[in-house]
Amino acid sequence: MTAATDQILQDNENFRLSRIQAAGWAAARLYLNGGDPCDEKKIAALNPHKAAAERVRWFAGFNSALDRL
């Protein structure tokens, strides 16, 4: 692959992960609107991702929302 192709692939992956992080943020808002206290097991069960990088980004979004709300 060329450097340009590698950059495009990296940009696409970064964008995809940013959408996963945004989904985690949105999930936190819905979770908190339900009035439930923060329960680690319940929160972990909300994360639909299996791959480590995706799970980390989803939790980053979730935690970011908690920090701001």
PDB file of N, CA and C in Angstrom:
ATOM      1  N   MET A   1       0.837  -1.183   0.000  1.00  0.00           N
ATOM      2  CA  MET A   1       0.000   0.000   0.000  1.00  0.00           C
ATOM      3  C   MET A   1       0.879   1.242   0.000  1.00  0.00           C
ATOM      4  N   THR A   2       0.317   2.287  -0.507  1.00  0.00           N
ATOM      5  CA  THR A   2       1.041   3.552  -0.518  1.00  0.00           C
ATOM      6  C   THR A   2       0.767   4.305   0.777  1.00  0.00           C
ATOM      7  N   ALA A   3       1.571   5.310   1.001  1.00  0.00           N
ATOM      8  CA  ALA A   3       1.380   6.138   2.199  1.00  0.00           C
ATOM      9  C   ALA A   3       0.011   6.819   2.175  1.00  0.00           C
ATOM     10  N   ALA A   4      -0.419   7.237   0.982  1.00  0.00           N
ATOM     11  CA  ALA A   4      -1.722   7.900   0.856  1.00  0.00           C
ATOM     12  C   ALA A   4      -2.858   6.932   1.198  1.00  0.00           C
ATOM     13  N   THR A   5      -2.736   5.698   0.741  1.00  0.00           N
ATOM     14  CA  THR A   5      -3.752   4.692   1.047  1.00  0.00           C
ATOM     15  C   THR A   5      -3.775   4.390   2.540  1.00  0.00           C
ATOM     16  N   ASP A   6      -2.595   4.263   3.131  1.00  0.00           N
ATOM     17  CA  ASP A   6      -2.516   4.039   4.570  1.00  0.00           C
ATOM     18  C   ASP A   6      -3.177   5.175   5.343  1.00  0.00           C
ATOM     19  N   GLN A   7      -2.966   6.402   4.902  1.00  0.00           N
ATOM     20  CA  GLN A   7      -3.558   7.558   5.578  1.00  0.00           C
ATOM     21  C   GLN A   7      -5.075   7.543   5.462  1.00  0.00           C
ATOM     22  N   ILE A   8      -5.579   7.194   4.295  1.00  0.00           N
ATOM     23  CA  ILE A   8      -7.034   7.114   4.097  1.00  0.00           C
ATOM     24  C   ILE A   8      -7.632   6.049   5.007  1.00  0.00           C
ATOM     25  N   LEU A   9      -6.975   4.894   5.067  1.00  0.00           N
ATOM     26  CA  LEU A   9      -7.463   3.826   5.940  1.00  0.00           C
ATOM     27  C   LEU A   9      -7.441   4.255   7.402  1.00  0.00           C
ATOM     28  N   GLN A  10      -6.388   4.923   7.806  1.00  0.00           N
ATOM     29  CA  GLN A  10      -6.293   5.398   9.188  1.00  0.00           C
ATOM     30  C   GLN A  10      -7.365   6.445   9.487  1.00  0.00           C
ATOM     31  N   ASP A  11      -7.586   7.354   8.552  1.00  0.00           N
ATOM     32  CA  ASP A  11      -8.635   8.368   8.723  1.00  0.00           C
ATOM     33  C   ASP A  11     -10.006   7.711   8.848  1.00  0.00           C
ATOM     34  N   ASN A  12     -10.265   6.698   8.022  1.00  0.00           N
ATOM     35  CA  ASN A  12     -11.547   5.997   8.084  1.00  0.00           C
ATOM     36  C   ASN A  12     -11.721   5.293   9.428  1.00  0.00           C
ATOM     37  N   GLU A  13     -10.650   4.668   9.908  1.00  0.00           N
ATOM     38  CA  GLU A  13     -10.714   3.979  11.199  1.00  0.00           C
ATOM     39  C   GLU A  13     -10.922   4.972  12.338  1.00  0.00           C
ATOM     40  N   ASN A  14     -10.236   6.089  12.292  1.00  0.00           N
ATOM     41  CA  ASN A  14     -10.415   7.122  13.320  1.00  0.00           C
ATOM     42  C   ASN A  14     -11.850   7.636  13.332  1.00  0.00           C
ATOM     43  N   PHE A  15     -12.423   7.845  12.156  1.00  0.00           N
ATOM     44  CA  PHE A  15     -13.804   8.305  12.079  1.00  0.00           C
ATOM     45  C   PHE A  15     -14.751   7.249  12.637  1.00  0.00           C
ATOM     46  N   ARG A  16     -14.546   5.985  12.266  1.00  0.00           N
ATOM     47  CA  ARG A  16     -15.393   4.898  12.745  1.00  0.00           C
ATOM     48  C   ARG A  16     -15.343   4.810  14.276  1.00  0.00           C
ATOM     49  N   LEU A  17     -14.157   4.912  14.833  1.00  0.00           N
ATOM     50  CA  LEU A  17     -14.021   4.862  16.290  1.00  0.00           C
ATOM     51  C   LEU A  17     -14.644   6.088  16.958  1.00  0.00           C
ATOM     52  N   SER A  18     -14.595   7.233  16.287  1.00  0.00           N
ATOM     53  CA  SER A  18     -15.227   8.427  16.868  1.00  0.00           C
ATOM     54  C   SER A  18     -16.742   8.261  16.928  1.00  0.00           C
ATOM     55  N   ARG A  19     -17.322   7.551  15.966  1.00  0.00           N
ATOM     56  CA  ARG A  19     -18.768   7.281  15.971  1.00  0.00           C
ATOM     57  C   ARG A  19     -19.114   6.311  17.093  1.00  0.00           C
ATOM     58  N   ILE A  20     -18.237   5.357  17.360  1.00  0.00           N
ATOM     59  CA  ILE A  20     -18.453   4.432  18.473  1.00  0.00           C
ATOM     60  C   ILE A  20     -18.403   5.195  19.789  1.00  0.00           C
ATOM     61  N   GLN A  21     -17.458   6.119  19.898  1.00  0.00           N
ATOM     62  CA  GLN A  21     -17.357   6.931  21.114  1.00  0.00           C
ATOM     63  C   GLN A  21     -18.616   7.776  21.286  1.00  0.00           C
ATOM     64  N   ALA A  22     -19.124   8.331  20.201  1.00  0.00           N
ATOM     65  CA  ALA A  22     -20.356   9.121  20.271  1.00  0.00           C
ATOM     66  C   ALA A  22     -21.538   8.254  20.699  1.00  0.00           C
ATOM     67  N   ALA A  23     -21.565   7.005  20.255  1.00  0.00           N
ATOM     68  CA  ALA A  23     -22.643   6.099  20.656  1.00  0.00           C
ATOM     69  C   ALA A  23     -22.568   5.818  22.155  1.00  0.00           C
ATOM     70  N   GLY A  24     -21.361   5.705  22.696  1.00  0.00           N
ATOM     71  CA  GLY A  24     -21.200   5.524  24.133  1.00  0.00           C
ATOM     72  C   GLY A  24     -21.705   6.736  24.904  1.00  0.00           C
ATOM     73  N   TRP A  25     -21.426   7.925  24.382  1.00  0.00           N
ATOM     74  CA  TRP A  25     -21.891   9.164  25.006  1.00  0.00           C
ATOM     75  C   TRP A  25     -23.421   9.187  25.023  1.00  0.00           C
ATOM     76  N   ALA A  26     -24.018   8.831  23.890  1.00  0.00           N
ATOM     77  CA  ALA A  26     -25.481   8.815  23.797  1.00  0.00           C
ATOM     78  C   ALA A  26     -26.076   7.771  24.743  1.00  0.00           C
ATOM     79  N   ALA A  27     -25.432   6.635  24.867  1.00  0.00           N
ATOM     80  CA  ALA A  27     -25.911   5.587  25.774  1.00  0.00           C
ATOM     81  C   ALA A  27     -25.887   6.073  27.219  1.00  0.00           C
ATOM     82  N   ALA A  28     -24.871   6.823  27.591  1.00  0.00           N
ATOM     83  CA  ALA A  28     -24.789   7.356  28.959  1.00  0.00           C
ATOM     84  C   ALA A  28     -25.939   8.306  29.232  1.00  0.00           C
ATOM     85  N   ARG A  29     -26.253   9.142  28.275  1.00  0.00           N
ATOM     86  CA  ARG A  29     -27.373  10.068  28.468  1.00  0.00           C
ATOM     87  C   ARG A  29     -28.673   9.312  28.682  1.00  0.00           C
ATOM     88  N   LEU A  30     -28.907   8.283  27.870  1.00  0.00           N
ATOM     89  CA  LEU A  30     -30.120   7.485  28.030  1.00  0.00           C
ATOM     90  C   LEU A  30     -30.118   6.749  29.367  1.00  0.00           C
ATOM     91  N   TYR A  31     -28.980   6.225  29.735  1.00  0.00           N
ATOM     92  CA  TYR A  31     -28.844   5.493  30.999  1.00  0.00           C
ATOM     93  C   TYR A  31     -29.153   6.403  32.179  1.00  0.00           C
ATOM     94  N   LEU A  32     -28.587   7.584  32.168  1.00  0.00           N
ATOM     95  CA  LEU A  32     -28.802   8.512  33.277  1.00  0.00           C
ATOM     96  C   LEU A  32     -30.226   9.047  33.304  1.00  0.00           C
ATOM     97  N   ASN A  33     -30.843   9.197  32.144  1.00  0.00           N
ATOM     98  CA  ASN A  33     -32.236   9.649  32.104  1.00  0.00           C
ATOM     99  C   ASN A  33     -33.174   8.627  32.724  1.00  0.00           C
ATOM    100  N   GLY A  34     -32.750   7.360  32.778  1.00  0.00           N
ATOM    101  CA  GLY A  34     -33.554   6.310  33.397  1.00  0.00           C
ATOM    102  C   GLY A  34     -33.507   6.351  34.908  1.00  0.00           C
ATOM    103  N   GLY A  35     -32.611   7.152  35.478  1.00  0.00           N
ATOM    104  CA  GLY A  35     -32.529   7.309  36.921  1.00  0.00           C
ATOM    105  C   GLY A  35     -31.751   6.232  37.650  1.00  0.00           C
ATOM    106  N   ASP A  36     -31.154   5.299  36.911  1.00  0.00           N
ATOM    107  CA  ASP A  36     -30.374   4.240  37.565  1.00  0.00           C
ATOM    108  C   ASP A  36     -29.064   4.795  38.093  1.00  0.00           C
ATOM    109  N   PRO A  37     -28.654   4.314  39.262  1.00  0.00           N
ATOM    110  CA  PRO A  37     -27.315   4.690  39.737  1.00  0.00           C
ATOM    111  C   PRO A  37     -26.269   4.015  38.852  1.00  0.00           C
ATOM    112  N   CYS A  38     -25.076   4.520  38.871  1.00  0.00           N
ATOM    113  CA  CYS A  38     -24.013   3.949  38.047  1.00  0.00           C
ATOM    114  C   CYS A  38     -23.628   2.575  38.589  1.00  0.00           C
ATOM    115  N   ASP A  39     -23.953   1.561  37.839  1.00  0.00           N
ATOM    116  CA  ASP A  39     -23.666   0.169  38.190  1.00  0.00           C
ATOM    117  C   ASP A  39     -22.730  -0.375  37.112  1.00  0.00           C
ATOM    118  N   GLU A  40     -21.513  -0.736  37.516  1.00  0.00           N
ATOM    119  CA  GLU A  40     -20.486  -1.175  36.568  1.00  0.00           C
ATOM    120  C   GLU A  40     -20.954  -2.329  35.687  1.00  0.00           C
ATOM    121  N   LYS A  41     -21.641  -3.305  36.263  1.00  0.00           N
ATOM    122  CA  LYS A  41     -22.093  -4.465  35.488  1.00  0.00           C
ATOM    123  C   LYS A  41     -23.153  -4.082  34.467  1.00  0.00           C
ATOM    124  N   LYS A  42     -24.072  -3.220  34.867  1.00  0.00           N
ATOM    125  CA  LYS A  42     -25.115  -2.772  33.930  1.00  0.00           C
ATOM    126  C   LYS A  42     -24.493  -1.973  32.788  1.00  0.00           C
ATOM    127  N   ILE A  43     -23.544  -1.116  33.131  1.00  0.00           N
ATOM    128  CA  ILE A  43     -22.889  -0.291  32.111  1.00  0.00           C
ATOM    129  C   ILE A  43     -22.112  -1.173  31.147  1.00  0.00           C
ATOM    130  N   ALA A  44     -21.367  -2.144  31.663  1.00  0.00           N
ATOM    131  CA  ALA A  44     -20.603  -3.052  30.802  1.00  0.00           C
ATOM    132  C   ALA A  44     -21.534  -3.815  29.868  1.00  0.00           C
ATOM    133  N   ALA A  45     -22.710  -4.191  30.360  1.00  0.00           N
ATOM    134  CA  ALA A  45     -23.667  -4.927  29.534  1.00  0.00           C
ATOM    135  C   ALA A  45     -24.242  -4.062  28.411  1.00  0.00           C
ATOM    136  N   LEU A  46     -24.233  -2.752  28.587  1.00  0.00           N
ATOM    137  CA  LEU A  46     -24.742  -1.855  27.543  1.00  0.00           C
ATOM    138  C   LEU A  46     -23.802  -1.762  26.345  1.00  0.00           C
ATOM    139  N   ASN A  47     -22.521  -2.026  26.581  1.00  0.00           N
ATOM    140  CA  ASN A  47     -21.518  -1.892  25.516  1.00  0.00           C
ATOM    141  C   ASN A  47     -21.668  -3.049  24.536  1.00  0.00           C
ATOM    142  N   PRO A  48     -22.084  -2.758  23.281  1.00  0.00           N
ATOM    143  CA  PRO A  48     -22.358  -3.832  22.324  1.00  0.00           C
ATOM    144  C   PRO A  48     -21.109  -4.352  21.595  1.00  0.00           C
ATOM    145  N   HIS A  49     -19.963  -3.793  21.865  1.00  0.00           N
ATOM    146  CA  HIS A  49     -18.760  -4.113  21.087  1.00  0.00           C
ATOM    147  C   HIS A  49     -17.949  -5.236  21.719  1.00  0.00           C
ATOM    148  N   LYS A  50     -17.310  -6.027  20.867  1.00  0.00           N
ATOM    149  CA  LYS A  50     -16.481  -7.143  21.313  1.00  0.00           C
ATOM    150  C   LYS A  50     -14.995  -6.814  21.243  1.00  0.00           C
ATOM    151  N   ALA A  51     -14.589  -6.106  20.199  1.00  0.00           N
ATOM    152  CA  ALA A  51     -13.167  -5.783  20.009  1.00  0.00           C
ATOM    153  C   ALA A  51     -12.711  -4.772  21.062  1.00  0.00           C
ATOM    154  N   ALA A  52     -11.499  -4.962  21.556  1.00  0.00           N
ATOM    155  CA  ALA A  52     -10.981  -4.116  22.636  1.00  0.00           C
ATOM    156  C   ALA A  52     -10.969  -2.633  22.267  1.00  0.00           C
ATOM    157  N   ALA A  53     -10.488  -2.301  21.084  1.00  0.00           N
ATOM    158  CA  ALA A  53     -10.412  -0.889  20.687  1.00  0.00           C
ATOM    159  C   ALA A  53     -11.795  -0.247  20.659  1.00  0.00           C
ATOM    160  N   GLU A  54     -12.766  -0.992  20.195  1.00  0.00           N
ATOM    161  CA  GLU A  54     -14.129  -0.468  20.137  1.00  0.00           C
ATOM    162  C   GLU A  54     -14.729  -0.334  21.537  1.00  0.00           C
ATOM    163  N   ARG A  55     -14.506  -1.334  22.384  1.00  0.00           N
ATOM    164  CA  ARG A  55     -15.023  -1.265  23.757  1.00  0.00           C
ATOM    165  C   ARG A  55     -14.422  -0.079  24.503  1.00  0.00           C
ATOM    166  N   VAL A  56     -13.121   0.152  24.319  1.00  0.00           N
ATOM    167  CA  VAL A  56     -12.446   1.269  24.985  1.00  0.00           C
ATOM    168  C   VAL A  56     -13.033   2.595  24.535  1.00  0.00           C
ATOM    169  N   ARG A  57     -13.243   2.755  23.232  1.00  0.00           N
ATOM    170  CA  ARG A  57     -13.788   4.026  22.731  1.00  0.00           C
ATOM    171  C   ARG A  57     -15.220   4.236  23.192  1.00  0.00           C
ATOM    172  N   TRP A  58     -16.022   3.173  23.225  1.00  0.00           N
ATOM    173  CA  TRP A  58     -17.406   3.297  23.688  1.00  0.00           C
ATOM    174  C   TRP A  58     -17.411   3.751  25.147  1.00  0.00           C
ATOM    175  N   PHE A  59     -16.576   3.102  25.992  1.00  0.00           N
ATOM    176  CA  PHE A  59     -16.488   3.496  27.396  1.00  0.00           C
ATOM    177  C   PHE A  59     -15.956   4.921  27.547  1.00  0.00           C
ATOM    178  N   ALA A  60     -15.050   5.331  26.676  1.00  0.00           N
ATOM    179  CA  ALA A  60     -14.545   6.707  26.732  1.00  0.00           C
ATOM    180  C   ALA A  60     -15.691   7.693  26.504  1.00  0.00           C
ATOM    181  N   GLY A  61     -16.539   7.400  25.541  1.00  0.00           N
ATOM    182  CA  GLY A  61     -17.700   8.253  25.304  1.00  0.00           C
ATOM    183  C   GLY A  61     -18.673   8.233  26.465  1.00  0.00           C
ATOM    184  N   PHE A  62     -18.924   7.059  27.000  1.00  0.00           N
ATOM    185  CA  PHE A  62     -19.833   6.924  28.135  1.00  0.00           C
ATOM    186  C   PHE A  62     -19.314   7.732  29.319  1.00  0.00           C
ATOM    187  N   ASN A  63     -18.048   7.545  29.645  1.00  0.00           N
ATOM    188  CA  ASN A  63     -17.458   8.260  30.788  1.00  0.00           C
ATOM    189  C   ASN A  63     -17.383   9.760  30.557  1.00  0.00           C
ATOM    190  N   SER A  64     -17.163  10.159  29.320  1.00  0.00           N
ATOM    191  CA  SER A  64     -17.135  11.582  29.000  1.00  0.00           C
ATOM    192  C   SER A  64     -18.495  12.223  29.281  1.00  0.00           C
ATOM    193  N   ALA A  65     -19.547  11.519  28.914  1.00  0.00           N
ATOM    194  CA  ALA A  65     -20.893  12.038  29.192  1.00  0.00           C
ATOM    195  C   ALA A  65     -21.149  12.113  30.688  1.00  0.00           C
ATOM    196  N   LEU A  66     -20.717  11.103  31.436  1.00  0.00           N
ATOM    197  CA  LEU A  66     -20.903  11.127  32.889  1.00  0.00           C
ATOM    198  C   LEU A  66     -20.201  12.321  33.512  1.00  0.00           C
ATOM    199  N   ASP A  67     -19.008  12.631  33.029  1.00  0.00           N
ATOM    200  CA  ASP A  67     -18.246  13.754  33.550  1.00  0.00           C
ATOM    201  C   ASP A  67     -18.921  15.094  33.280  1.00  0.00           C
ATOM    202  N   ARG A  68     -19.694  15.165  32.211  1.00  0.00           N
ATOM    203  CA  ARG A  68     -20.296  16.437  31.818  1.00  0.00           C
ATOM    204  C   ARG A  68     -21.719  16.609  32.333  1.00  0.00           C
ATOM    205  N   LEU A  69     -22.317  15.511  32.775  1.00  0.00           N
ATOM    206  CA  LEU A  69     -23.722  15.596  33.215  1.00  0.00           C
ATOM    207  C   LEU A  69     -23.836  15.640  34.713  1.00  0.00           C
TER     208      LEU A  69
END
